[in-house]
Structures are given as C-alpha cells and as structure tokens.
Protein backbone atom coordinates (compact mmCIF):
# COMPACT_ATOMS: atom_id res chain seq x y z
CA MET A 1 83.06 -175.49 -160.27
CA ASN A 2 83.41 -173.18 -157.30
CA PRO A 3 80.32 -173.69 -155.07
CA THR A 4 80.71 -170.22 -153.56
CA ALA A 5 80.76 -168.38 -156.89
CA PRO A 6 77.60 -166.42 -157.77
CA ILE A 7 75.30 -168.09 -160.26
CA HIS A 8 74.01 -165.83 -163.03
CA PRO A 9 71.21 -166.54 -165.47
CA ALA A 10 71.98 -166.59 -169.18
CA ALA A 11 70.51 -163.10 -169.33
CA GLY A 12 71.00 -160.82 -166.37
CA GLN A 13 68.51 -158.95 -164.29
CA VAL A 14 68.08 -155.20 -163.87
CA THR A 15 66.84 -153.55 -160.70
CA PHE A 16 65.56 -150.01 -161.19
CA LEU A 17 66.04 -148.51 -157.77
CA GLY A 18 64.92 -145.26 -156.18
CA ALA A 19 67.63 -143.79 -153.95
CA GLY A 20 65.37 -141.20 -152.37
CA PRO A 21 65.92 -137.44 -152.13
CA GLY A 22 69.41 -137.45 -150.58
CA ASP A 23 69.49 -138.77 -147.01
CA PRO A 24 71.20 -142.20 -147.15
CA GLY A 25 68.98 -143.32 -144.26
CA LEU A 26 65.92 -143.12 -146.52
CA LEU A 27 67.00 -146.08 -148.66
CA THR A 28 64.55 -148.94 -148.25
CA LEU A 29 65.56 -152.35 -146.92
CA ARG A 30 64.86 -153.83 -150.34
CA ALA A 31 67.14 -151.24 -151.94
CA VAL A 32 70.00 -152.09 -149.59
CA GLU A 33 69.52 -155.80 -150.30
CA ALA A 34 69.57 -155.27 -154.07
CA LEU A 35 72.70 -153.13 -153.83
CA SER A 36 74.51 -155.79 -151.80
CA HIS A 37 74.05 -158.32 -154.62
CA ALA A 38 74.82 -156.02 -157.56
CA ASP A 39 77.56 -156.90 -160.04
CA VAL A 40 77.17 -153.57 -161.84
CA LEU A 41 75.98 -150.30 -160.29
CA ILE A 42 74.84 -147.60 -162.71
CA ALA A 43 73.78 -144.57 -160.69
CA ASP A 44 72.89 -140.98 -161.37
CA PRO A 45 75.86 -138.82 -160.26
CA GLN A 46 73.93 -137.11 -157.46
CA VAL A 47 73.11 -140.42 -155.73
CA LEU A 48 76.25 -142.45 -156.45
CA ASP A 49 77.80 -141.82 -153.02
CA VAL A 50 74.48 -142.63 -151.32
CA VAL A 51 74.17 -146.09 -152.88
CA ARG A 52 77.80 -147.13 -153.35
CA THR A 53 78.36 -147.63 -149.62
CA HIS A 54 75.87 -150.51 -149.66
CA ALA A 55 77.41 -152.26 -152.67
CA ARG A 56 80.21 -154.82 -152.66
CA ALA A 57 83.76 -153.54 -152.76
CA ASN A 58 84.36 -155.01 -156.22
CA VAL A 59 81.15 -153.78 -157.81
CA ASP A 60 81.60 -152.31 -161.28
CA THR A 61 80.52 -148.64 -161.41
CA PRO A 62 80.67 -147.27 -164.97
CA LEU A 63 81.21 -143.52 -164.87
CA GLN A 64 78.27 -141.29 -165.59
CA ALA A 65 78.34 -137.63 -166.35
CA SER A 66 76.70 -134.66 -164.75
CA ALA A 67 74.23 -132.44 -166.51
CA ASP A 68 77.04 -130.19 -167.75
CA GLU A 69 78.10 -132.30 -170.72
CA ALA A 70 80.34 -129.59 -172.14
CA SER A 71 82.97 -130.33 -169.50
CA ILE A 72 82.85 -134.12 -169.87
CA PRO A 73 85.83 -136.00 -171.32
CA ALA A 74 85.09 -137.80 -174.55
CA ASP A 75 85.67 -141.23 -173.02
CA VAL A 76 83.11 -140.78 -170.22
CA PRO A 77 79.58 -141.98 -171.06
CA THR A 78 76.81 -139.41 -170.75
CA LEU A 79 73.34 -139.99 -169.42
CA ARG A 80 72.18 -140.59 -173.00
CA ASP A 81 74.33 -143.71 -173.01
CA THR A 82 72.82 -145.10 -169.83
CA THR A 83 70.46 -147.44 -171.64
CA ASN A 84 73.39 -148.95 -173.52
CA LEU A 85 75.30 -149.41 -170.25
CA VAL A 86 72.35 -151.13 -168.60
CA MET A 87 71.57 -153.37 -171.55
CA GLY A 88 75.19 -154.24 -172.25
CA ALA A 89 75.77 -155.45 -168.68
CA ALA A 90 72.48 -157.35 -168.51
CA ARG A 91 73.19 -159.21 -171.77
CA THR A 92 76.28 -160.76 -170.17
CA GLY A 93 74.29 -162.22 -167.29
CA LYS A 94 75.18 -159.54 -164.74
CA ARG A 95 72.95 -158.34 -161.95
CA VAL A 96 72.57 -154.64 -162.68
CA VAL A 97 71.29 -151.99 -160.29
CA ARG A 98 70.18 -148.78 -161.96
CA ALA A 99 69.88 -146.18 -159.19
CA VAL A 100 68.14 -142.85 -159.67
CA SER A 101 67.30 -139.93 -157.42
CA GLY A 102 63.86 -140.03 -155.83
CA ASP A 103 61.50 -142.64 -157.26
CA PRO A 104 62.12 -144.47 -160.56
CA GLY A 105 58.44 -144.27 -161.47
CA LEU A 106 58.77 -140.49 -161.81
CA ASP A 107 61.87 -140.61 -164.02
CA ALA A 108 61.08 -140.45 -167.74
CA ASN A 109 64.50 -141.83 -168.69
CA VAL A 110 63.95 -144.90 -166.53
CA ALA A 111 60.68 -145.61 -168.31
CA GLU A 112 62.57 -145.80 -171.60
CA GLU A 113 65.19 -148.09 -170.06
CA MET A 114 62.49 -150.43 -168.73
CA LEU A 115 60.89 -150.60 -172.16
CA ALA A 116 64.28 -151.49 -173.65
CA CYS A 117 64.63 -154.37 -171.17
CA ALA A 118 61.12 -155.58 -171.91
CA SER A 119 61.71 -155.53 -175.67
CA GLU A 120 64.75 -157.81 -175.27
CA GLY A 121 63.16 -160.11 -172.73
CA ILE A 122 65.51 -159.09 -169.91
CA ASP A 123 64.05 -159.56 -166.43
CA PHE A 124 63.74 -156.40 -164.40
CA GLU A 125 62.20 -155.23 -161.16
CA VAL A 126 61.40 -151.85 -159.66
CA VAL A 127 62.28 -150.81 -156.11
CA PRO A 128 60.36 -147.62 -155.31
CA GLY A 129 62.03 -144.77 -153.47
CA ILE A 130 60.86 -141.66 -151.66
CA ALA A 131 60.20 -138.90 -154.16
CA ALA A 132 61.79 -135.53 -153.43
CA ALA A 133 58.40 -133.83 -153.77
CA VAL A 134 57.20 -135.81 -150.74
CA GLY A 135 60.36 -136.35 -148.69
CA VAL A 136 61.76 -132.81 -148.82
CA PRO A 137 58.64 -131.07 -147.44
CA ALA A 138 58.59 -133.60 -144.58
CA TYR A 139 62.19 -132.68 -143.68
CA ALA A 140 61.37 -128.97 -144.05
CA GLY A 141 58.53 -129.21 -141.53
CA VAL A 142 55.78 -128.61 -144.09
CA PRO A 143 52.91 -131.15 -143.97
CA LEU A 144 51.17 -131.39 -147.32
CA ARG A 145 47.73 -132.27 -145.97
CA ASP A 146 45.65 -131.58 -142.87
CA ALA A 147 42.63 -133.09 -141.14
CA GLN A 148 40.34 -131.29 -143.59
CA GLY A 149 41.87 -133.27 -146.45
CA THR A 150 43.47 -130.44 -148.42
CA ASP A 151 44.11 -131.32 -152.06
CA VAL A 152 47.73 -131.53 -153.20
CA ARG A 153 48.97 -130.78 -156.71
CA PHE A 154 52.45 -131.68 -157.93
CA VAL A 155 54.06 -129.55 -160.63
CA ASP A 156 57.35 -129.96 -162.47
CA ALA A 157 58.15 -126.41 -163.52
CA ARG A 158 60.53 -127.64 -166.22
CA THR A 159 57.72 -129.30 -168.20
CA ALA A 160 54.58 -127.49 -167.01
CA ASP A 161 52.59 -125.78 -169.77
CA ASP A 162 50.13 -122.88 -169.57
CA ARG A 163 47.21 -125.24 -168.98
CA CYS A 164 48.96 -126.82 -166.01
CA TRP A 165 49.76 -123.47 -164.41
CA SER A 166 46.20 -122.27 -164.99
CA GLU A 167 44.69 -125.32 -163.29
CA VAL A 168 46.98 -125.11 -160.28
CA GLY A 169 46.65 -121.34 -160.01
CA ALA A 170 42.86 -121.46 -160.14
CA SER A 171 42.64 -123.97 -157.27
CA ASP A 172 43.26 -123.56 -153.56
CA ALA A 173 45.17 -126.84 -153.33
CA THR A 174 48.61 -127.07 -151.80
CA ALA A 175 51.05 -126.94 -154.72
CA VAL A 176 54.39 -128.75 -154.60
CA VAL A 177 56.62 -127.32 -157.31
CA SER A 178 59.85 -129.00 -158.44
CA THR A 179 62.09 -126.34 -159.96
CA THR A 180 65.55 -124.81 -159.67
CA LEU A 181 66.77 -122.08 -157.35
CA ASP A 182 67.03 -119.45 -160.07
CA SER A 183 63.56 -120.34 -161.45
CA VAL A 184 61.59 -120.11 -158.20
CA ALA A 185 60.55 -116.50 -158.77
CA ALA A 186 59.37 -117.31 -162.30
CA ALA A 187 57.27 -120.21 -161.01
CA ALA A 188 55.77 -117.94 -158.35
CA GLY A 189 54.94 -115.43 -161.05
CA GLU A 190 53.17 -118.10 -163.10
CA LEU A 191 50.96 -118.98 -160.14
CA VAL A 192 50.12 -115.33 -159.43
CA SER A 193 49.28 -114.77 -163.09
CA ALA A 194 47.03 -117.84 -162.97
CA GLY A 195 45.04 -116.54 -160.00
CA ARG A 196 46.92 -117.22 -156.77
CA LYS A 197 47.13 -114.25 -154.40
CA PRO A 198 50.60 -112.66 -154.06
CA ASP A 199 50.40 -113.04 -150.26
CA THR A 200 50.03 -116.84 -150.49
CA PRO A 201 52.71 -118.42 -148.24
CA LEU A 202 55.40 -120.66 -149.68
CA THR A 203 58.57 -122.40 -148.58
CA VAL A 204 61.60 -123.08 -150.74
CA THR A 205 64.01 -125.86 -149.77
CA ILE A 206 67.39 -126.59 -151.35
CA ALA A 207 69.50 -129.74 -150.76
CA GLY A 208 66.54 -131.29 -149.01
CA THR A 209 67.00 -134.17 -146.51
CA THR A 210 70.78 -133.58 -146.35
CA THR A 211 72.82 -131.67 -143.79
CA ARG A 212 73.20 -128.92 -146.40
CA GLN A 213 69.44 -128.32 -146.40
CA ARG A 214 68.25 -124.73 -146.24
CA THR A 215 64.66 -123.51 -146.23
CA TRP A 216 63.25 -120.03 -146.77
CA THR A 217 59.70 -118.94 -145.94
CA ALA A 218 58.10 -116.12 -147.90
CA THR A 219 55.08 -115.41 -150.11
CA LEU A 220 54.58 -115.69 -153.84
CA GLY A 221 55.06 -111.95 -154.12
CA THR A 222 58.16 -111.66 -151.93
CA ILE A 223 60.18 -114.81 -152.64
CA ALA A 224 62.48 -113.09 -155.15
CA GLN A 225 63.42 -110.41 -152.63
CA THR A 226 63.80 -113.00 -149.86
CA LEU A 227 66.31 -115.04 -151.84
CA LYS A 228 68.26 -111.94 -152.81
CA ALA A 229 68.32 -110.74 -149.20
CA ALA A 230 69.65 -114.16 -148.16
CA LYS A 231 72.41 -113.69 -150.77
CA VAL A 232 71.64 -116.99 -152.48
CA LEU A 233 70.71 -115.26 -155.73
CA PRO A 234 72.27 -114.49 -158.06
CA SER A 235 74.55 -117.48 -157.56
CA PRO A 236 76.55 -119.98 -159.62
CA ASP A 237 74.47 -122.62 -157.79
CA GLY A 238 71.25 -121.26 -159.22
CA GLY A 239 70.69 -124.43 -161.22
CA GLN A 240 70.38 -126.60 -158.12
CA PRO A 241 67.00 -128.32 -157.73
CA VAL A 242 64.61 -127.06 -155.07
CA ILE A 243 61.17 -127.99 -153.80
CA ALA A 244 58.69 -125.15 -153.28
CA VAL A 245 55.48 -125.73 -151.33
CA VAL A 246 52.73 -123.17 -151.95
CA GLY A 247 49.74 -122.83 -149.64
CA GLU A 248 48.70 -122.24 -146.05
CA ARG A 249 50.65 -125.33 -144.95
CA SER A 250 53.78 -123.23 -145.58
CA ALA A 251 52.85 -120.43 -143.18
CA ALA A 252 55.87 -119.32 -141.17
CA ALA A 253 54.15 -119.66 -137.78
CA GLN A 254 53.33 -123.32 -138.38
CA ARG A 255 56.71 -124.19 -139.85
CA ASP A 256 58.52 -122.71 -136.85
CA GLN A 257 56.88 -125.42 -134.75
CA LEU A 258 57.43 -128.29 -137.20
CA ALA A 259 60.95 -127.64 -138.54
CA TRP A 260 62.44 -130.66 -136.75
CA PHE A 261 65.39 -131.32 -139.06
CA GLU A 262 67.12 -127.96 -139.45
CA SER A 263 66.62 -127.22 -135.74
CA LYS A 264 68.84 -130.08 -134.55
CA PRO A 265 71.50 -128.77 -132.12
CA LEU A 266 74.51 -129.57 -134.32
CA PHE A 267 72.81 -129.22 -137.70
CA GLY A 268 75.35 -128.76 -140.48
CA TRP A 269 78.40 -128.85 -138.19
CA LYS A 270 81.43 -130.69 -139.54
CA VAL A 271 83.02 -132.68 -136.72
CA LEU A 272 86.41 -134.41 -136.86
CA VAL A 273 86.39 -137.81 -135.13
CA PRO A 274 90.00 -138.90 -134.42
CA ARG A 275 89.49 -142.38 -132.96
CA THR A 276 90.17 -145.95 -133.94
CA LYS A 277 88.13 -147.11 -136.89
CA GLU A 278 86.18 -149.54 -134.72
CA GLN A 279 85.33 -146.94 -132.07
CA ALA A 280 84.46 -144.09 -134.42
CA ALA A 281 81.26 -145.66 -135.73
CA SER A 282 79.19 -145.33 -132.55
CA LEU A 283 80.26 -141.73 -131.97
CA SER A 284 79.62 -140.84 -135.61
CA GLU A 285 76.11 -142.29 -135.40
CA GLN A 286 75.40 -140.16 -132.35
CA LEU A 287 76.72 -137.04 -134.06
CA VAL A 288 74.54 -137.73 -137.11
CA SER A 289 71.49 -137.99 -134.85
CA TYR A 290 72.22 -134.41 -133.75
CA GLY A 291 72.53 -133.20 -137.34
CA ALA A 292 76.33 -133.10 -137.58
CA VAL A 293 78.55 -134.35 -140.42
CA PRO A 294 81.25 -136.59 -138.90
CA HIS A 295 84.61 -137.01 -140.63
CA GLU A 296 86.35 -140.10 -139.28
CA VAL A 297 90.15 -140.05 -139.13
CA PRO A 298 91.61 -143.23 -137.56
CA THR A 299 94.61 -141.94 -135.59
CA ILE A 300 95.70 -145.11 -133.81
CA ALA A 301 95.56 -148.84 -134.40
CA VAL A 302 95.48 -151.53 -131.73
CA GLU A 303 97.87 -154.40 -132.49
CA PRO A 304 99.07 -157.40 -130.47
CA PRO A 305 102.60 -157.28 -128.95
CA ARG A 306 105.39 -158.05 -131.39
CA THR A 307 106.75 -160.62 -128.96
CA PRO A 308 104.49 -162.57 -126.59
CA GLN A 309 106.90 -162.85 -123.65
CA GLN A 310 105.95 -159.61 -121.91
CA MET A 311 102.23 -160.33 -122.18
CA GLU A 312 102.76 -163.89 -120.95
CA ARG A 313 104.62 -162.60 -117.89
CA ALA A 314 101.80 -160.16 -117.16
CA VAL A 315 99.14 -162.87 -117.44
CA LYS A 316 101.17 -165.17 -115.21
CA GLY A 317 101.45 -162.39 -112.66
CA LEU A 318 97.67 -162.03 -112.64
CA VAL A 319 97.23 -165.75 -112.03
CA THR A 320 99.80 -165.97 -109.23
CA GLY A 321 98.56 -162.87 -107.45
CA ARG A 322 101.66 -160.81 -108.07
CA TYR A 323 99.55 -157.72 -108.87
CA GLU A 324 97.01 -156.23 -106.46
CA TRP A 325 95.46 -153.81 -108.97
CA ILE A 326 95.05 -153.66 -112.74
CA ALA A 327 94.86 -150.19 -114.30
CA PHE A 328 93.32 -150.06 -117.78
CA THR A 329 94.04 -146.71 -119.40
CA SER A 330 91.42 -147.09 -122.14
CA VAL A 331 88.89 -149.39 -123.74
CA ASN A 332 91.61 -150.42 -126.16
CA ALA A 333 93.71 -151.81 -123.29
CA VAL A 334 90.79 -153.96 -122.17
CA LYS A 335 90.27 -155.36 -125.66
CA ALA A 336 93.98 -156.00 -126.13
C-alpha cells in the first residue's frame, strides 16, 4: 500500500461550493481548501476558470454545457445531467466539488442535487459563497443600506410573479433585481406599474466584480433610453445577467463618490507581461491591484551553464581577488 496515496471512503463526499459573482479573489479560504483536495470538479461553465486554478493538475473536470443547448455536441453532458455526474463520481468514493456561481443556497438546481445525495446516504457539505445580488452592488459603489436601516428586497425577475412585483413596487425599500440586460427595461416597467415613481434612481451592472464590469446610472423611466444611447442594446449579448439596484442608494451623485472599482487607474486595460515565469507573478499582482488584466508571456528562461568550467573559473577569480568589481546585469544574473 502506498502511504502517500489519498484514502477515500467507501462512498465519496460532495462539496457544494459557491464560487462568488466572478472575481477569483472572492473565493473563501474554505473553498480554496476544498478545491485543492478535489478528485472531480463539476463546475458551472461561467465559473470553471475561476475555480480550476485552485484544483490539482490532474483533477477530473467533466464537461458541462452552456445555456445554449442547441449548439452542444451530443456527447457533452448538459446541466440536466449534472446530478448524474455528481452522484456517479461520489458512488466510486471520489471527493467531488460541485461549484456554482454565487451562493449554492440560492441555486434551485443545487437543492435538488443535495436531496439526491441525502437520499443515497452520501456525505455532503456546503461552502457558502458571495451572492451576486450582494457582491455586485458593492463593486458598483452602491451600498444597499444606510444608517437609517433601509429595507432591502431581492427580486429574481425570471421567476417573479405579479404579487412579487406589487409588493416591491408598493414599498420604498431598496430593490435588488437579478435579470438580463435585455430585460432591464421590462423589470423597470413592472416596478413603475406597481407604484414606483418613474424618476426613482437605479443602477445596472453587467459582468459585475470582473474587469469587464460596466455600470449605468439612470431612472426607472429612462433606463431603456440610457442603454440604447450607450449602444449596448440591442445586442447579441442581451442575455447576459445583470444586477439592477433601485432606490435612492443608486443616485448618481452618491455613486460617483463610491465607485471604487471601475475608477481604478488601469481598469480594464490588457497588459502584456514579457518576463520570466517566476518574475511575472509579482508584477501581475500589482497590475491587478490597479484594475488591469495581465497576460503573462515567459520570454526567457534562466538555466545553469551547459559546462561548469567557465563558472568555476569565475568563482575562483572572485575568491583569489582577480576581479575588482562584479557587474550584475539583472536579477536573473544574481540568482544564477
């Protein structure tokens, strides 16, 4: 028996993990730990790149499809098959990480997958993540509450019924609406019909918490014109998810002071980093802190001399005092 080989229980374990709204830095410490021990990683397509970097190199990642199932090859499992993927891996004693966008507690599909595990007696745990409805407004510079304790209502426009819209529209609470870019105007219309004033401020944020984030400030009555003027509608990307925040917290004057993320000096810039792999990391981290997107391209590699004689002569010269000065042309020369 190999003492270094991982020990698996007879039945595996499933970790339902929230990957947050998009920024890889928002993964929790517990999420990173779970990913590092995963044998199988089953992730929603939109968060696969976020979580895969923390998994082992040999982790198994069964392919999952996007929402557009019409363009999916027949041999690629769709999201409807996710439960079978999770259960199949767990039955063989594997440690399975099921990663979803946002928080798993807000994902209806995950609830069904957890029930399937429970019915078969498979151990599972839940690692919460930051929900988009909370994380995206924070990155957009829109606080959801103030010192007066403003109420907050969360609405999923895809499932909201007339009663839901009526309750939210009749209140003065801050409303956080999860919808799509091409459905924002319709959601605004629902709120106006339910009693909200057309001049109520709102913000709309797409690709929240990522360097592709964009936020527009308008009112319920003008958001359609604002998006058209910005030339984002009509658009083939109209189905992308957005977070809309409705209420005085979204007023343009306040957001101008609190928009910390999109105001970074290099926000959204793509920067090529042609350095050694070892040296690129620190520069890339600094660029990210300024909002840039670094693309590392290792252009050189530092290797020892093919024959040791020349280096030995140089070292001997240092010892005997043959050289009065040593000129290092780069950090790489010092390390070599």
